[in-house]
Amino acid sequence: MNPLRRALMTRALALAAAASFLGGCRTRQELAPAEDSAPLHDYLIGPGDSVNILVWRNPEVSLTVAVRPDGKITTPLVEDLAASGKTSTQLARDIEQALSKYIQQPVVTVIVTNFSGPYAEQIRVIGEAAKPQALPYRQGMSLMDVLIAVGGITDFAAGNKASVIRMREGGQRQLRVRLDDLLRDGDISANIMMRPGDVLLIPESFF
């Protein structure tokens, strides 16, 4: 083989190797779901939450109340006020408007405790989890955070066949997740960001 042909073949092999490397990097990026970066999300009040209502200079109407199953709250001067699905700021403004009939220019602050969140935004874990349950969504919650909250998966779980059902405009999407790789092999690439309303399905292994 003449030197020119040998040099051309060497250059072709080098270009092919570089393309293969870049292609591998691109494939790894594409494996991550497009929704992996969750948008900012204000916490919405839901049934089961407790709200601490502070009315400035009016301690007699400042109190902590529970959000009823129907999503409403009741205070000494305000009855059946809808709270579910609102942020603490929105609820504070609504309480101010209701109290303005009795108090001149009320200033209200609402602090949420005992978080549950609206049912539609809770993350549900069903199947072979150690403690299947519904969890309140929190900003920045990842798949690993969910697994920690439910105590991991059982010995009978088919972890790498699990999936996340995610509601989107126009329907739902099923995302395959690799729980065994994440929990047992420590593969952080298998960790994804969760979204409000996600359902984690963990099937049973038949082998």
N, C-alpha and C. Protein backbone atom coordinates (compact mmCIF):
# COMPACT_ATOMS: atom_id res chain seq x y z
N MET A 1 0.86 -1.19 0.00
CA MET A 1 0.00 0.00 0.00
C MET A 1 0.89 1.24 0.00
N ASN A 2 0.62 2.17 -0.90
CA ASN A 2 1.47 3.36 -0.99
C ASN A 2 1.19 4.30 0.19
N PRO A 3 2.15 5.17 0.51
CA PRO A 3 2.01 6.05 1.69
C PRO A 3 0.79 6.95 1.63
N LEU A 4 0.42 7.43 0.43
CA LEU A 4 -0.73 8.32 0.33
C LEU A 4 -2.01 7.59 0.69
N ARG A 5 -2.17 6.38 0.16
CA ARG A 5 -3.39 5.61 0.46
C ARG A 5 -3.46 5.24 1.92
N ARG A 6 -2.27 4.90 2.51
CA ARG A 6 -2.25 4.56 3.94
C ARG A 6 -2.67 5.77 4.78
N ALA A 7 -2.21 6.96 4.42
CA ALA A 7 -2.57 8.17 5.17
C ALA A 7 -4.06 8.47 5.06
N LEU A 8 -4.64 8.26 3.86
CA LEU A 8 -6.07 8.51 3.69
C LEU A 8 -6.90 7.53 4.51
N MET A 9 -6.48 6.26 4.56
CA MET A 9 -7.21 5.28 5.36
C MET A 9 -7.12 5.58 6.85
N THR A 10 -5.93 6.00 7.29
CA THR A 10 -5.76 6.36 8.71
C THR A 10 -6.66 7.52 9.09
N ARG A 11 -6.76 8.52 8.21
CA ARG A 11 -7.61 9.68 8.48
C ARG A 11 -9.10 9.27 8.50
N ALA A 12 -9.49 8.38 7.60
CA ALA A 12 -10.89 7.92 7.55
C ALA A 12 -11.27 7.18 8.83
N LEU A 13 -10.35 6.33 9.31
CA LEU A 13 -10.62 5.59 10.55
C LEU A 13 -10.74 6.54 11.73
N ALA A 14 -9.90 7.57 11.77
CA ALA A 14 -9.96 8.54 12.87
C ALA A 14 -11.28 9.30 12.85
N LEU A 15 -11.74 9.69 11.65
CA LEU A 15 -13.02 10.39 11.54
C LEU A 15 -14.18 9.49 11.95
N ALA A 16 -14.12 8.22 11.58
CA ALA A 16 -15.18 7.29 11.96
C ALA A 16 -15.23 7.09 13.46
N ALA A 17 -14.06 7.01 14.11
CA ALA A 17 -14.02 6.85 15.56
C ALA A 17 -14.60 8.08 16.25
N ALA A 18 -14.26 9.27 15.75
CA ALA A 18 -14.79 10.50 16.35
C ALA A 18 -16.30 10.58 16.19
N ALA A 19 -16.80 10.17 15.01
CA ALA A 19 -18.25 10.21 14.79
C ALA A 19 -18.95 9.23 15.70
N SER A 20 -18.33 8.06 15.91
CA SER A 20 -18.93 7.07 16.81
C SER A 20 -19.00 7.59 18.23
N PHE A 21 -17.92 8.28 18.67
CA PHE A 21 -17.90 8.82 20.02
C PHE A 21 -18.98 9.89 20.21
N LEU A 22 -19.05 10.81 19.21
CA LEU A 22 -20.06 11.86 19.30
C LEU A 22 -21.45 11.29 19.22
N GLY A 23 -21.65 10.28 18.41
CA GLY A 23 -22.95 9.64 18.31
C GLY A 23 -23.35 9.00 19.61
N GLY A 24 -22.37 8.38 20.31
CA GLY A 24 -22.67 7.78 21.61
C GLY A 24 -23.08 8.81 22.62
N CYS A 25 -22.40 9.97 22.60
CA CYS A 25 -22.77 11.04 23.53
C CYS A 25 -24.17 11.53 23.24
N ARG A 26 -24.52 11.68 21.97
CA ARG A 26 -25.83 12.17 21.59
C ARG A 26 -26.92 11.19 22.01
N THR A 27 -26.62 9.88 21.87
CA THR A 27 -27.60 8.86 22.28
C THR A 27 -27.86 8.92 23.76
N ARG A 28 -26.82 9.11 24.56
CA ARG A 28 -27.01 9.18 26.01
C ARG A 28 -27.88 10.37 26.38
N GLN A 29 -27.72 11.50 25.70
CA GLN A 29 -28.53 12.67 25.99
C GLN A 29 -29.99 12.42 25.63
N GLU A 30 -30.20 11.72 24.50
CA GLU A 30 -31.56 11.50 24.04
C GLU A 30 -32.32 10.54 24.94
N LEU A 31 -31.60 9.73 25.75
CA LEU A 31 -32.27 8.80 26.64
C LEU A 31 -33.01 9.53 27.75
N ALA A 32 -32.54 10.73 28.10
CA ALA A 32 -33.20 11.49 29.15
C ALA A 32 -34.50 12.07 28.62
N PRO A 33 -35.63 11.94 29.36
CA PRO A 33 -36.90 12.48 28.88
C PRO A 33 -36.83 13.98 28.70
N ALA A 34 -37.57 14.49 27.73
CA ALA A 34 -37.57 15.94 27.47
C ALA A 34 -38.10 16.71 28.65
N GLU A 35 -38.94 16.07 29.48
CA GLU A 35 -39.55 16.76 30.62
C GLU A 35 -38.66 16.75 31.85
N ASP A 36 -37.37 16.32 31.69
CA ASP A 36 -36.54 16.08 32.86
C ASP A 36 -36.32 17.35 33.68
N SER A 37 -36.41 18.53 33.07
CA SER A 37 -36.27 19.76 33.82
C SER A 37 -37.66 20.29 34.16
N ALA A 38 -38.06 20.09 35.41
CA ALA A 38 -39.40 20.48 35.82
C ALA A 38 -39.50 22.00 35.95
N PRO A 39 -40.61 22.59 35.50
CA PRO A 39 -40.77 24.04 35.63
C PRO A 39 -41.01 24.45 37.08
N LEU A 40 -40.82 25.73 37.35
CA LEU A 40 -41.11 26.22 38.69
C LEU A 40 -42.58 26.03 39.00
N HIS A 41 -42.85 25.69 40.25
CA HIS A 41 -44.22 25.31 40.61
C HIS A 41 -44.53 25.82 42.00
N ASP A 42 -45.53 26.69 42.12
CA ASP A 42 -45.96 27.17 43.43
C ASP A 42 -46.82 26.10 44.10
N TYR A 43 -46.61 25.92 45.41
CA TYR A 43 -47.39 24.91 46.12
C TYR A 43 -48.85 25.33 46.18
N LEU A 44 -49.73 24.39 45.85
CA LEU A 44 -51.17 24.63 45.91
C LEU A 44 -51.76 23.89 47.10
N ILE A 45 -52.62 24.56 47.82
CA ILE A 45 -53.24 24.00 49.01
C ILE A 45 -54.22 22.90 48.62
N GLY A 46 -54.31 21.87 49.45
CA GLY A 46 -55.22 20.77 49.17
C GLY A 46 -55.91 20.28 50.43
N PRO A 47 -56.92 19.42 50.29
CA PRO A 47 -57.61 18.84 51.44
C PRO A 47 -56.62 18.10 52.35
N GLY A 48 -56.77 18.29 53.65
CA GLY A 48 -55.86 17.68 54.60
C GLY A 48 -54.75 18.60 55.06
N ASP A 49 -54.50 19.68 54.32
CA ASP A 49 -53.51 20.67 54.75
C ASP A 49 -54.04 21.43 55.96
N SER A 50 -53.12 21.97 56.72
CA SER A 50 -53.47 22.91 57.79
C SER A 50 -52.96 24.29 57.38
N VAL A 51 -53.77 25.32 57.58
CA VAL A 51 -53.36 26.68 57.24
C VAL A 51 -53.41 27.54 58.50
N ASN A 52 -52.30 28.22 58.74
CA ASN A 52 -52.20 29.14 59.87
C ASN A 52 -52.52 30.54 59.36
N ILE A 53 -53.64 31.08 59.80
CA ILE A 53 -54.14 32.38 59.33
C ILE A 53 -53.79 33.45 60.36
N LEU A 54 -52.96 34.41 59.96
CA LEU A 54 -52.53 35.48 60.85
C LEU A 54 -53.12 36.79 60.34
N VAL A 55 -53.95 37.42 61.15
CA VAL A 55 -54.57 38.70 60.79
C VAL A 55 -53.90 39.78 61.65
N TRP A 56 -53.19 40.67 61.01
CA TRP A 56 -52.40 41.68 61.72
C TRP A 56 -53.29 42.53 62.63
N ARG A 57 -52.87 42.62 63.89
CA ARG A 57 -53.53 43.40 64.93
C ARG A 57 -54.93 42.87 65.27
N ASN A 58 -55.22 41.67 64.88
CA ASN A 58 -56.51 41.05 65.20
C ASN A 58 -56.28 39.59 65.62
N PRO A 59 -55.67 39.38 66.77
CA PRO A 59 -55.36 38.01 67.20
C PRO A 59 -56.62 37.17 67.46
N GLU A 60 -57.75 37.82 67.71
CA GLU A 60 -58.96 37.07 68.00
C GLU A 60 -59.49 36.31 66.78
N VAL A 61 -59.09 36.71 65.59
CA VAL A 61 -59.51 35.99 64.39
C VAL A 61 -58.32 35.32 63.69
N SER A 62 -57.19 35.28 64.39
CA SER A 62 -56.02 34.57 63.88
C SER A 62 -56.04 33.15 64.46
N LEU A 63 -55.94 32.15 63.61
CA LEU A 63 -56.03 30.76 64.07
C LEU A 63 -55.51 29.82 63.01
N THR A 64 -55.39 28.55 63.40
CA THR A 64 -55.00 27.49 62.47
C THR A 64 -56.20 26.60 62.21
N VAL A 65 -56.51 26.38 60.94
CA VAL A 65 -57.66 25.55 60.58
C VAL A 65 -57.22 24.50 59.57
N ALA A 66 -57.97 23.41 59.51
CA ALA A 66 -57.70 22.35 58.54
C ALA A 66 -58.55 22.56 57.29
N VAL A 67 -57.99 22.21 56.16
CA VAL A 67 -58.75 22.25 54.91
C VAL A 67 -59.60 20.98 54.85
N ARG A 68 -60.90 21.17 54.75
CA ARG A 68 -61.83 20.04 54.78
C ARG A 68 -61.71 19.20 53.52
N PRO A 69 -62.28 18.00 53.54
CA PRO A 69 -62.25 17.15 52.32
C PRO A 69 -62.88 17.81 51.10
N ASP A 70 -63.81 18.75 51.32
CA ASP A 70 -64.41 19.44 50.17
C ASP A 70 -63.56 20.62 49.70
N GLY A 71 -62.37 20.81 50.31
CA GLY A 71 -61.46 21.85 49.88
C GLY A 71 -61.72 23.22 50.46
N LYS A 72 -62.62 23.33 51.44
CA LYS A 72 -62.97 24.63 52.01
C LYS A 72 -62.49 24.74 53.45
N ILE A 73 -62.45 25.98 53.94
CA ILE A 73 -62.11 26.25 55.34
C ILE A 73 -63.21 27.11 55.96
N THR A 74 -63.25 27.08 57.28
CA THR A 74 -64.20 27.90 58.02
C THR A 74 -63.46 28.59 59.16
N THR A 75 -63.65 29.90 59.30
CA THR A 75 -63.09 30.67 60.40
C THR A 75 -64.24 31.38 61.12
N PRO A 76 -63.99 31.99 62.27
CA PRO A 76 -65.08 32.63 63.01
C PRO A 76 -65.89 33.65 62.21
N LEU A 77 -65.26 34.35 61.26
CA LEU A 77 -65.98 35.37 60.49
C LEU A 77 -66.17 35.00 59.02
N VAL A 78 -65.53 33.92 58.61
CA VAL A 78 -65.61 33.51 57.20
C VAL A 78 -66.01 32.04 57.14
N GLU A 79 -67.14 31.76 56.52
CA GLU A 79 -67.61 30.38 56.42
C GLU A 79 -67.47 29.88 54.98
N ASP A 80 -67.08 28.61 54.87
CA ASP A 80 -67.06 27.91 53.58
C ASP A 80 -66.31 28.68 52.50
N LEU A 81 -65.07 29.03 52.81
CA LEU A 81 -64.23 29.71 51.83
C LEU A 81 -63.37 28.67 51.13
N ALA A 82 -63.40 28.64 49.80
CA ALA A 82 -62.62 27.66 49.03
C ALA A 82 -61.13 27.93 49.21
N ALA A 83 -60.38 26.86 49.55
CA ALA A 83 -58.93 26.98 49.74
C ALA A 83 -58.15 26.07 48.81
N SER A 84 -58.72 24.93 48.47
CA SER A 84 -58.01 23.94 47.65
C SER A 84 -57.71 24.49 46.26
N GLY A 85 -56.49 24.23 45.80
CA GLY A 85 -56.07 24.69 44.48
C GLY A 85 -55.51 26.09 44.45
N LYS A 86 -55.42 26.75 45.62
CA LYS A 86 -54.89 28.12 45.68
C LYS A 86 -53.52 28.10 46.34
N THR A 87 -52.72 29.12 46.03
CA THR A 87 -51.48 29.33 46.77
C THR A 87 -51.81 30.02 48.09
N SER A 88 -50.85 30.04 48.99
CA SER A 88 -51.09 30.70 50.27
C SER A 88 -51.36 32.19 50.08
N THR A 89 -50.71 32.80 49.10
CA THR A 89 -50.93 34.23 48.83
C THR A 89 -52.33 34.48 48.30
N GLN A 90 -52.78 33.63 47.40
CA GLN A 90 -54.13 33.78 46.86
C GLN A 90 -55.18 33.62 47.95
N LEU A 91 -54.98 32.64 48.83
CA LEU A 91 -55.93 32.44 49.91
C LEU A 91 -55.93 33.63 50.86
N ALA A 92 -54.75 34.18 51.14
CA ALA A 92 -54.67 35.35 52.03
C ALA A 92 -55.46 36.53 51.46
N ARG A 93 -55.35 36.75 50.15
CA ARG A 93 -56.09 37.85 49.53
C ARG A 93 -57.60 37.60 49.61
N ASP A 94 -58.01 36.35 49.42
CA ASP A 94 -59.44 36.03 49.50
C ASP A 94 -59.96 36.24 50.93
N ILE A 95 -59.16 35.88 51.91
CA ILE A 95 -59.58 36.07 53.30
C ILE A 95 -59.66 37.57 53.62
N GLU A 96 -58.71 38.34 53.12
CA GLU A 96 -58.77 39.79 53.32
C GLU A 96 -60.06 40.36 52.75
N GLN A 97 -60.43 39.92 51.58
CA GLN A 97 -61.66 40.43 50.97
C GLN A 97 -62.89 40.05 51.79
N ALA A 98 -62.91 38.82 52.32
CA ALA A 98 -64.04 38.38 53.13
C ALA A 98 -64.09 39.13 54.47
N LEU A 99 -62.91 39.37 55.06
CA LEU A 99 -62.87 40.05 56.35
C LEU A 99 -63.13 41.55 56.25
N SER A 100 -62.99 42.11 55.06
CA SER A 100 -63.16 43.55 54.90
C SER A 100 -64.58 44.01 55.25
N LYS A 101 -65.52 43.05 55.32
CA LYS A 101 -66.88 43.41 55.76
C LYS A 101 -66.92 43.72 57.25
N TYR A 102 -65.95 43.21 57.99
CA TYR A 102 -65.96 43.36 59.45
C TYR A 102 -64.75 44.12 59.99
N ILE A 103 -63.63 44.09 59.26
CA ILE A 103 -62.38 44.72 59.71
C ILE A 103 -61.91 45.69 58.64
N GLN A 104 -61.53 46.89 59.07
CA GLN A 104 -61.07 47.88 58.11
C GLN A 104 -59.67 47.55 57.63
N GLN A 105 -59.52 47.40 56.34
CA GLN A 105 -58.25 47.11 55.67
C GLN A 105 -57.47 45.99 56.38
N PRO A 106 -58.02 44.80 56.41
CA PRO A 106 -57.31 43.68 57.07
C PRO A 106 -56.06 43.28 56.29
N VAL A 107 -55.04 42.88 57.04
CA VAL A 107 -53.79 42.38 56.44
C VAL A 107 -53.61 40.95 56.91
N VAL A 108 -53.64 40.02 55.97
CA VAL A 108 -53.65 38.60 56.31
C VAL A 108 -52.43 37.91 55.73
N THR A 109 -51.85 37.04 56.54
CA THR A 109 -50.77 36.15 56.09
C THR A 109 -51.21 34.72 56.32
N VAL A 110 -50.98 33.85 55.33
CA VAL A 110 -51.35 32.44 55.44
C VAL A 110 -50.08 31.59 55.34
N ILE A 111 -49.89 30.72 56.32
CA ILE A 111 -48.76 29.79 56.34
C ILE A 111 -49.33 28.37 56.30
N VAL A 112 -48.88 27.58 55.32
CA VAL A 112 -49.39 26.22 55.15
C VAL A 112 -48.52 25.25 55.93
N THR A 113 -49.16 24.33 56.65
CA THR A 113 -48.45 23.25 57.35
C THR A 113 -49.17 21.94 57.05
N ASN A 114 -48.53 20.83 57.42
CA ASN A 114 -49.12 19.50 57.21
C ASN A 114 -49.51 19.30 55.75
N PHE A 115 -48.50 19.40 54.88
CA PHE A 115 -48.72 19.43 53.43
C PHE A 115 -49.32 18.13 52.90
N SER A 116 -50.35 18.26 52.08
CA SER A 116 -50.92 17.14 51.33
C SER A 116 -51.05 17.51 49.86
N GLY A 117 -51.52 18.71 49.59
CA GLY A 117 -51.68 19.17 48.21
C GLY A 117 -52.95 18.67 47.58
N PRO A 118 -53.38 19.27 46.47
CA PRO A 118 -54.58 18.81 45.77
C PRO A 118 -54.39 17.39 45.25
N TYR A 119 -55.47 16.64 45.21
CA TYR A 119 -55.38 15.25 44.76
C TYR A 119 -54.79 15.16 43.36
N ALA A 120 -55.17 16.08 42.48
CA ALA A 120 -54.71 16.02 41.09
C ALA A 120 -53.21 16.23 40.96
N GLU A 121 -52.56 16.79 42.00
CA GLU A 121 -51.13 17.06 41.92
C GLU A 121 -50.31 16.08 42.75
N GLN A 122 -50.95 15.19 43.47
CA GLN A 122 -50.21 14.22 44.26
C GLN A 122 -49.54 13.19 43.37
N ILE A 123 -48.40 12.69 43.81
CA ILE A 123 -47.70 11.63 43.10
C ILE A 123 -48.11 10.30 43.73
N ARG A 124 -48.66 9.41 42.92
CA ARG A 124 -49.15 8.12 43.42
C ARG A 124 -48.17 7.02 43.04
N VAL A 125 -47.86 6.19 44.02
CA VAL A 125 -46.96 5.06 43.81
C VAL A 125 -47.75 3.79 44.08
N ILE A 126 -47.89 2.94 43.06
CA ILE A 126 -48.67 1.73 43.19
C ILE A 126 -47.86 0.53 42.71
N GLY A 127 -48.24 -0.65 43.20
CA GLY A 127 -47.53 -1.86 42.83
C GLY A 127 -46.54 -2.28 43.89
N GLU A 128 -45.38 -2.76 43.46
CA GLU A 128 -44.40 -3.39 44.36
C GLU A 128 -43.47 -2.38 45.03
N ALA A 129 -44.04 -1.36 45.64
CA ALA A 129 -43.29 -0.46 46.52
C ALA A 129 -43.40 -0.98 47.94
N ALA A 130 -42.41 -0.68 48.77
CA ALA A 130 -42.47 -1.13 50.16
C ALA A 130 -43.69 -0.53 50.85
N LYS A 131 -43.99 0.73 50.57
CA LYS A 131 -45.15 1.40 51.17
C LYS A 131 -45.88 2.21 50.08
N PRO A 132 -46.69 1.54 49.26
CA PRO A 132 -47.43 2.28 48.22
C PRO A 132 -48.29 3.37 48.85
N GLN A 133 -48.27 4.54 48.26
CA GLN A 133 -49.02 5.65 48.84
C GLN A 133 -49.07 6.82 47.87
N ALA A 134 -49.83 7.84 48.24
CA ALA A 134 -49.87 9.10 47.50
C ALA A 134 -49.02 10.11 48.27
N LEU A 135 -48.17 10.83 47.53
CA LEU A 135 -47.25 11.78 48.14
C LEU A 135 -47.54 13.19 47.63
N PRO A 136 -47.43 14.18 48.50
CA PRO A 136 -47.57 15.56 48.00
C PRO A 136 -46.38 15.91 47.12
N TYR A 137 -46.66 16.56 46.00
CA TYR A 137 -45.58 16.98 45.11
C TYR A 137 -44.83 18.15 45.74
N ARG A 138 -43.51 18.10 45.62
CA ARG A 138 -42.67 19.21 46.08
C ARG A 138 -41.75 19.64 44.95
N GLN A 139 -41.49 20.93 44.88
CA GLN A 139 -40.65 21.47 43.83
C GLN A 139 -39.29 20.77 43.84
N GLY A 140 -38.85 20.32 42.67
CA GLY A 140 -37.56 19.67 42.57
C GLY A 140 -37.56 18.20 42.95
N MET A 141 -38.73 17.60 43.16
CA MET A 141 -38.81 16.20 43.56
C MET A 141 -38.36 15.29 42.41
N SER A 142 -37.49 14.35 42.74
CA SER A 142 -36.99 13.42 41.74
C SER A 142 -37.54 12.02 42.00
N LEU A 143 -37.27 11.12 41.06
CA LEU A 143 -37.68 9.72 41.22
C LEU A 143 -37.04 9.12 42.46
N MET A 144 -35.79 9.45 42.72
CA MET A 144 -35.11 8.94 43.93
C MET A 144 -35.81 9.43 45.19
N ASP A 145 -36.23 10.68 45.22
CA ASP A 145 -36.95 11.22 46.39
C ASP A 145 -38.23 10.42 46.64
N VAL A 146 -38.93 10.08 45.57
CA VAL A 146 -40.17 9.31 45.69
C VAL A 146 -39.88 7.92 46.25
N LEU A 147 -38.83 7.28 45.76
CA LEU A 147 -38.49 5.93 46.22
C LEU A 147 -38.06 5.93 47.69
N ILE A 148 -37.37 6.97 48.10
CA ILE A 148 -37.00 7.08 49.51
C ILE A 148 -38.25 7.21 50.38
N ALA A 149 -39.21 8.02 49.92
CA ALA A 149 -40.43 8.26 50.70
C ALA A 149 -41.26 6.99 50.86
N VAL A 150 -41.24 6.11 49.85
CA VAL A 150 -42.05 4.89 49.93
C VAL A 150 -41.24 3.69 50.42
N GLY A 151 -40.01 3.92 50.85
CA GLY A 151 -39.22 2.83 51.43
C GLY A 151 -38.60 1.90 50.41
N GLY A 152 -38.46 2.35 49.16
CA GLY A 152 -37.86 1.51 48.14
C GLY A 152 -38.86 0.54 47.53
N ILE A 153 -38.33 -0.51 46.89
CA ILE A 153 -39.19 -1.50 46.24
C ILE A 153 -39.03 -2.85 46.92
N THR A 154 -39.98 -3.74 46.70
CA THR A 154 -39.94 -5.06 47.33
C THR A 154 -39.00 -5.99 46.57
N ASP A 155 -38.74 -7.16 47.18
CA ASP A 155 -37.89 -8.16 46.53
C ASP A 155 -38.57 -8.77 45.30
N PHE A 156 -39.87 -8.59 45.19
CA PHE A 156 -40.61 -9.19 44.08
C PHE A 156 -40.83 -8.20 42.93
N ALA A 157 -40.27 -7.00 43.04
CA ALA A 157 -40.51 -5.97 42.04
C ALA A 157 -39.66 -6.19 40.79
N ALA A 158 -40.25 -5.92 39.65
CA ALA A 158 -39.50 -5.87 38.39
C ALA A 158 -39.12 -4.41 38.16
N GLY A 159 -38.11 -3.96 38.86
CA GLY A 159 -37.78 -2.54 38.92
C GLY A 159 -37.49 -1.90 37.58
N ASN A 160 -36.80 -2.62 36.71
CA ASN A 160 -36.45 -2.05 35.41
C ASN A 160 -37.59 -2.09 34.40
N LYS A 161 -38.74 -2.62 34.82
CA LYS A 161 -39.93 -2.61 33.97
C LYS A 161 -40.97 -1.63 34.49
N ALA A 162 -40.57 -0.82 35.47
CA ALA A 162 -41.48 0.18 36.03
C ALA A 162 -41.69 1.32 35.04
N SER A 163 -42.71 2.10 35.26
CA SER A 163 -43.00 3.22 34.37
C SER A 163 -43.68 4.34 35.13
N VAL A 164 -43.56 5.53 34.59
CA VAL A 164 -44.23 6.72 35.11
C VAL A 164 -45.30 7.13 34.11
N ILE A 165 -46.55 7.21 34.57
CA ILE A 165 -47.64 7.68 33.74
C ILE A 165 -47.77 9.18 33.99
N ARG A 166 -47.61 9.95 32.94
CA ARG A 166 -47.61 11.41 33.06
C ARG A 166 -48.70 12.00 32.18
N MET A 167 -49.58 12.77 32.80
CA MET A 167 -50.65 13.42 32.04
C MET A 167 -50.10 14.64 31.31
N ARG A 168 -50.48 14.75 30.05
CA ARG A 168 -50.09 15.90 29.26
C ARG A 168 -51.31 16.41 28.50
N GLU A 169 -51.17 17.58 27.92
CA GLU A 169 -52.28 18.11 27.13
C GLU A 169 -52.58 17.17 25.97
N GLY A 170 -53.82 16.75 25.88
CA GLY A 170 -54.19 15.86 24.80
C GLY A 170 -54.05 14.39 25.12
N GLY A 171 -53.67 14.06 26.36
CA GLY A 171 -53.58 12.64 26.72
C GLY A 171 -52.51 12.39 27.76
N GLN A 172 -52.03 11.13 27.79
CA GLN A 172 -51.03 10.76 28.76
C GLN A 172 -49.84 10.12 28.06
N ARG A 173 -48.70 10.14 28.76
CA ARG A 173 -47.48 9.57 28.23
C ARG A 173 -46.91 8.59 29.24
N GLN A 174 -46.39 7.47 28.75
CA GLN A 174 -45.79 6.47 29.62
C GLN A 174 -44.28 6.50 29.44
N LEU A 175 -43.56 6.75 30.55
CA LEU A 175 -42.11 6.83 30.53
C LEU A 175 -41.53 5.61 31.24
N ARG A 176 -40.72 4.84 30.55
CA ARG A 176 -40.06 3.69 31.19
C ARG A 176 -38.95 4.17 32.12
N VAL A 177 -38.90 3.64 33.33
CA VAL A 177 -37.87 4.00 34.29
C VAL A 177 -37.16 2.74 34.78
N ARG A 178 -35.89 2.88 35.17
CA ARG A 178 -35.06 1.74 35.57
C ARG A 178 -34.75 1.81 37.06
N LEU A 179 -35.65 1.29 37.86
CA LEU A 179 -35.49 1.39 39.31
C LEU A 179 -34.37 0.51 39.82
N ASP A 180 -34.19 -0.68 39.25
CA ASP A 180 -33.11 -1.56 39.69
C ASP A 180 -31.75 -0.90 39.45
N ASP A 181 -31.59 -0.32 38.26
CA ASP A 181 -30.32 0.34 37.95
C ASP A 181 -30.08 1.50 38.90
N LEU A 182 -31.14 2.23 39.25
CA LEU A 182 -31.00 3.39 40.12
C LEU A 182 -30.69 2.99 41.55
N LEU A 183 -31.45 2.01 42.07
CA LEU A 183 -31.34 1.65 43.49
C LEU A 183 -30.18 0.70 43.78
N ARG A 184 -30.00 -0.28 42.92
CA ARG A 184 -29.01 -1.34 43.21
C ARG A 184 -27.66 -1.10 42.59
N ASP A 185 -27.65 -0.40 41.44
CA ASP A 185 -26.38 -0.14 40.77
C ASP A 185 -25.91 1.29 40.93
N GLY A 186 -26.77 2.14 41.52
CA GLY A 186 -26.38 3.54 41.71
C GLY A 186 -26.23 4.31 40.42
N ASP A 187 -27.00 3.92 39.39
CA ASP A 187 -26.93 4.60 38.11
C ASP A 187 -27.78 5.87 38.16
N ILE A 188 -27.13 7.00 38.40
CA ILE A 188 -27.84 8.27 38.57
C ILE A 188 -28.52 8.71 37.27
N SER A 189 -28.05 8.20 36.12
CA SER A 189 -28.70 8.57 34.87
C SER A 189 -30.14 8.05 34.80
N ALA A 190 -30.48 7.08 35.67
CA ALA A 190 -31.84 6.53 35.70
C ALA A 190 -32.78 7.39 36.54
N ASN A 191 -32.23 8.42 37.19
CA ASN A 191 -33.06 9.31 38.01
C ASN A 191 -33.68 10.39 37.13
N ILE A 192 -34.98 10.63 37.28
CA ILE A 192 -35.65 11.66 36.50
C ILE A 192 -36.40 12.59 37.45
N MET A 193 -36.75 13.77 36.95
CA MET A 193 -37.54 14.69 37.74
C MET A 193 -39.01 14.31 37.63
N MET A 194 -39.73 14.38 38.74
CA MET A 194 -41.14 14.06 38.76
C MET A 194 -41.95 15.32 38.50
N ARG A 195 -43.19 15.10 38.08
CA ARG A 195 -44.11 16.20 37.83
C ARG A 195 -45.38 16.02 38.66
N PRO A 196 -46.10 17.09 38.97
CA PRO A 196 -47.36 16.95 39.70
C PRO A 196 -48.31 16.02 38.96
N GLY A 197 -48.93 15.10 39.69
CA GLY A 197 -49.89 14.19 39.10
C GLY A 197 -49.30 12.92 38.52
N ASP A 198 -47.98 12.74 38.58
CA ASP A 198 -47.36 11.52 38.06
C ASP A 198 -47.83 10.29 38.83
N VAL A 199 -47.91 9.16 38.13
CA VAL A 199 -48.23 7.88 38.74
C VAL A 199 -47.07 6.93 38.44
N LEU A 200 -46.43 6.40 39.50
CA LEU A 200 -45.33 5.46 39.35
C LEU A 200 -45.88 4.04 39.48
N LEU A 201 -45.77 3.24 38.42
CA LEU A 201 -46.25 1.87 38.40
C LEU A 201 -45.07 0.93 38.53
N ILE A 202 -45.07 0.09 39.56
CA ILE A 202 -43.99 -0.86 39.78
C ILE A 202 -44.56 -2.27 39.67
N PRO A 203 -44.31 -2.96 38.55
CA PRO A 203 -44.91 -4.29 38.37
C PRO A 203 -44.19 -5.37 39.19
N GLU A 204 -44.83 -6.50 39.30
CA GLU A 204 -44.25 -7.65 39.98
C GLU A 204 -43.48 -8.50 38.99
N SER A 205 -42.34 -9.02 39.45
CA SER A 205 -41.55 -9.90 38.61
C SER A 205 -42.12 -11.31 38.69
N PHE A 206 -42.18 -11.99 37.55
CA PHE A 206 -42.72 -13.34 37.51
C PHE A 206 -41.63 -14.40 37.42
N PHE A 207 -40.39 -13.98 37.66
CA PHE A 207 -39.27 -14.91 37.59
C PHE A 207 -38.53 -14.94 38.92
